[in-house]
Amino acid sequence: MNATKLGKIRNQLAALRRSPQGARALENLARKLGRKPVKRGKEPMWENTNFGLYPLAIPHHWGRDLSIGVKISSLAQLEDEILSLG
């Protein structure tokens, strides 16, 4: 992944922090970072096997926005992944 793509992903992450989000927006960001959905556990899990990072749970809440805590912790984990890539 080159610096231009990482810059665009950083901008997208910053925009996600400023507004309420559903699960799809976080899933799209996770997919751009190379995470893939895996079947395990109760909630949908996203895993990046290339770097051995912790799996990320992004719950679906029937189209509603994610709670503040879930959004903040998911975005923090994705931001750590961006920092490890760049």
Protein backbone atom coordinates (compact mmCIF):
# COMPACT_ATOMS: atom_id res chain seq x y z
CA MET A 1 0.00 0.00 0.00
CA ASN A 2 1.48 3.32 -1.03
CA ALA A 3 1.50 6.67 0.77
CA THR A 4 -1.28 8.14 -1.38
CA LYS A 5 -3.72 5.35 -0.48
CA LEU A 6 -2.81 5.62 3.20
CA GLY A 7 -3.40 9.38 3.07
CA LYS A 8 -6.86 8.87 1.60
CA ILE A 9 -7.68 6.27 4.25
CA ARG A 10 -6.48 8.62 7.00
CA ASN A 11 -8.78 11.34 5.66
CA GLN A 12 -11.69 8.92 5.54
CA LEU A 13 -11.01 7.84 9.13
CA ALA A 14 -10.98 11.47 10.26
CA ALA A 15 -14.34 12.04 8.54
CA LEU A 16 -15.79 8.96 10.23
CA ARG A 17 -14.77 10.30 13.65
CA ARG A 18 -16.81 13.47 13.08
CA SER A 19 -20.18 11.86 12.34
CA PRO A 20 -22.38 8.97 13.50
CA GLN A 21 -21.67 5.78 11.59
CA GLY A 22 -23.28 2.49 10.80
CA ALA A 23 -21.42 -0.78 10.52
CA ARG A 24 -21.03 -0.59 6.73
CA ALA A 25 -18.80 2.49 6.80
CA LEU A 26 -16.41 0.80 9.25
CA GLU A 27 -16.50 -2.43 7.26
CA ASN A 28 -15.54 -0.54 4.09
CA LEU A 29 -12.60 1.05 5.89
CA ALA A 30 -11.51 -2.33 7.31
CA ARG A 31 -11.73 -3.86 3.82
CA LYS A 32 -9.53 -1.07 2.40
CA LEU A 33 -6.91 -1.86 5.04
CA GLY A 34 -6.80 -5.50 3.97
CA ARG A 35 -9.05 -7.03 6.61
CA LYS A 36 -11.37 -9.87 5.65
CA PRO A 37 -14.51 -11.16 7.37
CA VAL A 38 -14.10 -14.42 9.29
CA LYS A 39 -16.72 -16.67 10.85
CA ARG A 40 -16.13 -16.89 14.58
CA GLY A 41 -17.75 -15.58 17.70
CA LYS A 42 -21.07 -13.88 18.12
CA GLU A 43 -20.40 -10.65 16.21
CA PRO A 44 -18.98 -10.34 12.69
CA MET A 45 -15.18 -10.38 12.98
CA TRP A 46 -12.66 -8.80 10.63
CA GLU A 47 -9.11 -10.15 10.58
CA ASN A 48 -5.86 -9.15 8.90
CA THR A 49 -3.68 -12.24 8.66
CA ASN A 50 -0.82 -10.45 6.88
CA PHE A 51 0.30 -8.52 9.96
CA GLY A 52 -0.96 -10.74 12.81
CA LEU A 53 -3.16 -8.00 14.26
CA TYR A 54 -6.03 -8.57 16.67
CA PRO A 55 -9.38 -9.35 15.07
CA LEU A 56 -11.87 -6.50 15.01
CA ALA A 57 -15.55 -6.97 15.81
CA ILE A 58 -17.91 -4.68 13.91
CA PRO A 59 -21.45 -5.43 15.10
CA HIS A 60 -24.54 -4.94 12.95
CA HIS A 61 -27.43 -3.25 14.74
CA TRP A 62 -30.20 -3.57 12.15
CA GLY A 63 -29.28 -0.41 10.25
CA ARG A 64 -28.93 1.82 13.30
CA ASP A 65 -25.83 3.86 14.06
CA LEU A 66 -23.18 2.26 16.23
CA SER A 67 -22.89 3.34 19.82
CA ILE A 68 -20.23 5.93 20.65
CA GLY A 69 -18.04 3.45 22.53
CA VAL A 70 -18.08 0.85 19.75
CA LYS A 71 -17.36 3.50 17.13
CA ILE A 72 -14.47 5.03 19.07
CA SER A 73 -12.82 1.70 19.92
CA SER A 74 -13.19 0.35 16.36
CA LEU A 75 -11.78 3.53 14.83
CA ALA A 76 -8.90 3.52 17.34
CA GLN A 77 -7.99 -0.04 16.36
CA LEU A 78 -8.18 0.82 12.65
CA GLU A 79 -6.06 3.93 13.26
CA ASP A 80 -3.41 1.80 14.99
CA GLU A 81 -3.39 -0.41 11.93
CA ILE A 82 -2.86 2.60 9.66
CA LEU A 83 0.07 3.68 11.82
CA SER A 84 1.60 0.21 11.65
CA LEU A 85 1.31 0.20 7.83
CA GLY A 86 2.75 3.67 7.32
